Amino acid sequence: MRVLMALALSVVWVCGEAVPTRATVGDPKDFELQGDKLGESYAIFISRHPKAVCKKSTETRANCYQWVDVSIFGLQAHPDTGCSLKTYSAEECVQGLSAQFKDGQLISLSYAVAGTDKKAPTAELKQLFGTPEIDTSEAAIWQRGRAFASVVVGRAAESNGGPILITFSISNA
């Protein structure tokens, strides 16, 4: 899944510069998932996600994860019951919510949930974000300046045929 996401993002970014697109209009802070917006404060996020566990990775950065009671667009995450900050990157813990903060502001948010068909959620996101720059059966990507939103369908782990997931992400690189 991470390989598929990296490949999708490499289409949008070349050498750290944004590729010009036809729909770069709008405020990157307009990208939101489940009411959380890019630029949102850490305090607001924590108040909205009391079951998230967070850890500072540096003085200015923090990472938050939630594995319990995570759903988006009616799709439910089904992670392993033993997921924790120590095991957050394990294949069985990929499903759930992940958020990254820089200087107390939300810079990246993703939901990974079980699913194979992105049509209905993508249609809802098109109502919010407009026409995506890329829209295939496996991925839809919207871009505004250096910020992006995406929906990607793929396996959690390509090597052993893990579960097929739909990953919804917003990020301000």
Protein backbone atom coordinates (compact mmCIF):
# COMPACT_ATOMS: atom_id res chain seq x y z
CA MET A 1 0.00 0.00 0.00
CA ARG A 2 2.79 2.39 0.89
CA VAL A 3 4.45 1.60 -2.44
CA LEU A 4 1.22 2.39 -4.30
CA MET A 5 0.79 5.65 -2.37
CA ALA A 6 4.40 6.67 -3.05
CA LEU A 7 3.92 5.94 -6.74
CA ALA A 8 0.74 8.03 -6.85
CA LEU A 9 2.47 10.91 -5.11
CA SER A 10 5.48 10.73 -7.42
CA VAL A 11 3.11 11.50 -10.29
CA VAL A 12 2.12 14.73 -8.53
CA TRP A 13 5.58 15.76 -7.29
CA VAL A 14 8.76 15.98 -9.32
CA CYS A 15 12.03 16.90 -7.57
CA GLY A 16 10.16 18.56 -4.72
CA GLU A 17 8.32 20.98 -6.99
CA ALA A 18 4.60 20.89 -7.61
CA VAL A 19 3.62 19.82 -11.10
CA PRO A 20 1.39 22.50 -12.66
CA THR A 21 -2.21 21.33 -12.76
CA ARG A 22 -5.49 22.59 -14.10
CA ALA A 23 -7.12 22.90 -10.67
CA THR A 24 -4.66 24.53 -8.28
CA VAL A 25 -7.25 27.14 -7.31
CA GLY A 26 -8.55 27.25 -3.76
CA ASP A 27 -7.11 27.22 -0.31
CA PRO A 28 -5.18 24.07 0.67
CA LYS A 29 -6.89 24.36 4.06
CA ASP A 30 -10.12 23.49 2.24
CA PHE A 31 -8.91 19.88 2.13
CA GLU A 32 -10.63 18.08 4.98
CA LEU A 33 -11.53 14.56 6.06
CA GLN A 34 -14.26 13.90 8.62
CA GLY A 35 -14.18 17.57 9.65
CA ASP A 36 -10.40 17.73 10.21
CA LYS A 37 -8.66 20.33 8.02
CA LEU A 38 -5.05 20.94 7.07
CA GLY A 39 -3.67 23.58 9.42
CA GLU A 40 -5.96 22.48 12.27
CA SER A 41 -4.37 22.78 15.72
CA TYR A 42 -3.09 19.78 17.63
CA ALA A 43 -5.42 20.67 20.54
CA ILE A 44 -8.52 20.66 18.31
CA PHE A 45 -7.50 17.35 16.74
CA ILE A 46 -7.01 15.71 20.14
CA SER A 47 -10.38 17.00 21.34
CA ARG A 48 -12.04 15.49 18.23
CA HIS A 49 -10.12 12.18 18.52
CA PRO A 50 -9.85 11.31 22.24
CA LYS A 51 -8.92 7.68 21.43
CA ALA A 52 -5.86 8.73 19.38
CA VAL A 53 -2.44 8.07 20.88
CA CYS A 54 0.24 10.64 20.10
CA LYS A 55 3.97 10.97 20.45
CA LYS A 56 6.34 13.81 19.71
CA SER A 57 9.01 12.72 17.23
CA THR A 58 10.97 15.99 17.50
CA GLU A 59 10.55 19.31 19.27
CA THR A 60 8.31 20.59 16.45
CA ARG A 61 6.69 17.37 15.17
CA ALA A 62 4.12 14.94 16.57
CA ASN A 63 2.46 11.81 15.20
CA CYS A 64 -0.95 10.51 16.25
CA TYR A 65 -2.57 7.15 15.55
CA GLN A 66 -5.99 5.70 16.25
CA TRP A 67 -6.98 2.09 15.73
CA VAL A 68 -10.26 1.92 17.68
CA ASP A 69 -13.59 3.10 16.25
CA VAL A 70 -12.20 4.41 12.96
CA SER A 71 -14.47 4.75 9.93
CA ILE A 72 -14.89 7.07 6.98
CA PHE A 73 -17.59 7.16 4.28
CA GLY A 74 -19.26 4.20 6.00
CA LEU A 75 -16.14 2.02 5.68
CA GLN A 76 -14.67 0.57 8.87
CA ALA A 77 -11.02 0.01 9.81
CA HIS A 78 -10.21 -3.49 11.11
CA PRO A 79 -6.74 -3.35 12.67
CA ASP A 80 -5.24 -5.92 15.01
CA THR A 81 -6.28 -5.51 18.65
CA GLY A 82 -2.66 -5.19 19.84
CA CYS A 83 -1.73 -2.08 17.83
CA SER A 84 0.29 0.55 19.70
CA LEU A 85 2.95 3.20 19.14
CA LYS A 86 5.51 0.37 19.11
CA THR A 87 3.70 -1.53 16.33
CA TYR A 88 2.05 1.30 14.33
CA SER A 89 3.85 0.40 11.09
CA ALA A 90 3.20 -3.35 11.26
CA GLU A 91 1.00 -4.73 8.47
CA GLU A 92 -1.77 -5.67 10.90
CA CYS A 93 -1.82 -2.07 12.23
CA VAL A 94 -1.97 -0.18 8.93
CA GLN A 95 -5.75 0.19 9.13
CA GLY A 96 -6.89 3.16 11.18
CA LEU A 97 -6.16 6.87 11.39
CA SER A 98 -2.75 8.53 11.19
CA ALA A 99 -2.04 12.25 11.65
CA GLN A 100 1.16 14.27 11.53
CA PHE A 101 1.70 17.72 13.03
CA LYS A 102 4.40 20.33 12.54
CA ASP A 103 4.58 23.33 14.87
CA GLY A 104 1.21 22.31 16.33
CA GLN A 105 -0.58 22.34 12.94
CA LEU A 106 -2.05 19.34 11.08
CA ILE A 107 0.07 18.70 7.97
CA SER A 108 -1.04 15.17 7.08
CA LEU A 109 -4.05 12.98 7.84
CA SER A 110 -4.92 9.56 6.51
CA TYR A 111 -7.57 6.93 7.06
CA ALA A 112 -6.89 3.36 5.92
CA VAL A 113 -10.00 1.17 5.87
CA ALA A 114 -11.02 -2.18 4.43
CA GLY A 115 -12.57 -1.83 0.98
CA THR A 116 -12.15 -2.38 -2.74
CA ASP A 117 -14.41 0.17 -4.42
CA LYS A 118 -13.63 3.89 -4.19
CA LYS A 119 -16.46 5.08 -6.47
CA ALA A 120 -18.96 6.28 -3.85
CA PRO A 121 -16.45 8.02 -1.53
CA THR A 122 -14.68 9.58 -4.53
CA ALA A 123 -17.99 10.96 -5.76
CA GLU A 124 -18.51 12.60 -2.35
CA LEU A 125 -15.01 14.05 -2.39
CA LYS A 126 -15.57 15.42 -5.90
CA GLN A 127 -18.48 17.40 -4.44
CA LEU A 128 -16.08 18.91 -1.89
CA PHE A 129 -12.83 19.21 -3.84
CA GLY A 130 -13.91 19.38 -7.50
CA THR A 131 -12.48 17.33 -10.35
CA PRO A 132 -9.30 15.43 -9.43
CA GLU A 133 -6.12 15.81 -11.48
CA ILE A 134 -5.80 12.03 -11.58
CA ASP A 135 -8.81 9.70 -11.48
CA THR A 136 -8.36 6.00 -12.19
CA SER A 137 -9.96 2.88 -10.73
CA GLU A 138 -7.05 2.69 -8.26
CA ALA A 139 -6.47 6.34 -7.30
CA ALA A 140 -7.91 9.84 -7.34
CA ILE A 141 -5.66 12.80 -6.52
CA TRP A 142 -6.52 16.48 -6.05
CA GLN A 143 -3.88 19.19 -5.74
CA ARG A 144 -3.88 22.80 -4.53
CA GLY A 145 -0.42 24.31 -4.57
CA ARG A 146 1.76 22.02 -2.46
CA ALA A 147 -1.25 20.40 -0.74
CA PHE A 148 -3.02 17.29 -1.97
CA ALA A 149 -5.91 14.99 -1.21
CA SER A 150 -6.07 11.41 -2.42
CA VAL A 151 -8.03 8.18 -2.41
CA VAL A 152 -5.96 5.08 -3.21
CA VAL A 153 -7.05 1.43 -3.43
CA GLY A 154 -4.39 -1.23 -2.89
CA ARG A 155 -3.04 -3.98 -0.69
CA ALA A 156 -1.62 -3.16 2.72
CA ALA A 157 1.42 -5.31 1.93
CA GLU A 158 2.19 -6.19 -1.64
CA SER A 159 4.47 -9.10 -0.73
CA ASN A 160 2.00 -11.47 0.91
CA GLY A 161 -1.41 -10.54 -0.43
CA GLY A 162 -2.58 -8.58 2.62
CA PRO A 163 -6.06 -7.06 2.75
CA ILE A 164 -7.20 -4.60 0.12
CA LEU A 165 -7.59 -1.15 1.64
CA ILE A 166 -8.87 2.24 0.62
CA THR A 167 -6.62 5.00 1.95
CA PHE A 168 -7.95 8.55 2.18
CA SER A 169 -5.27 11.21 2.71
CA ILE A 170 -4.80 14.96 2.88
CA SER A 171 -1.36 16.49 3.17
CA ASN A 172 0.41 19.80 2.97
CA ALA A 173 3.97 18.94 1.96
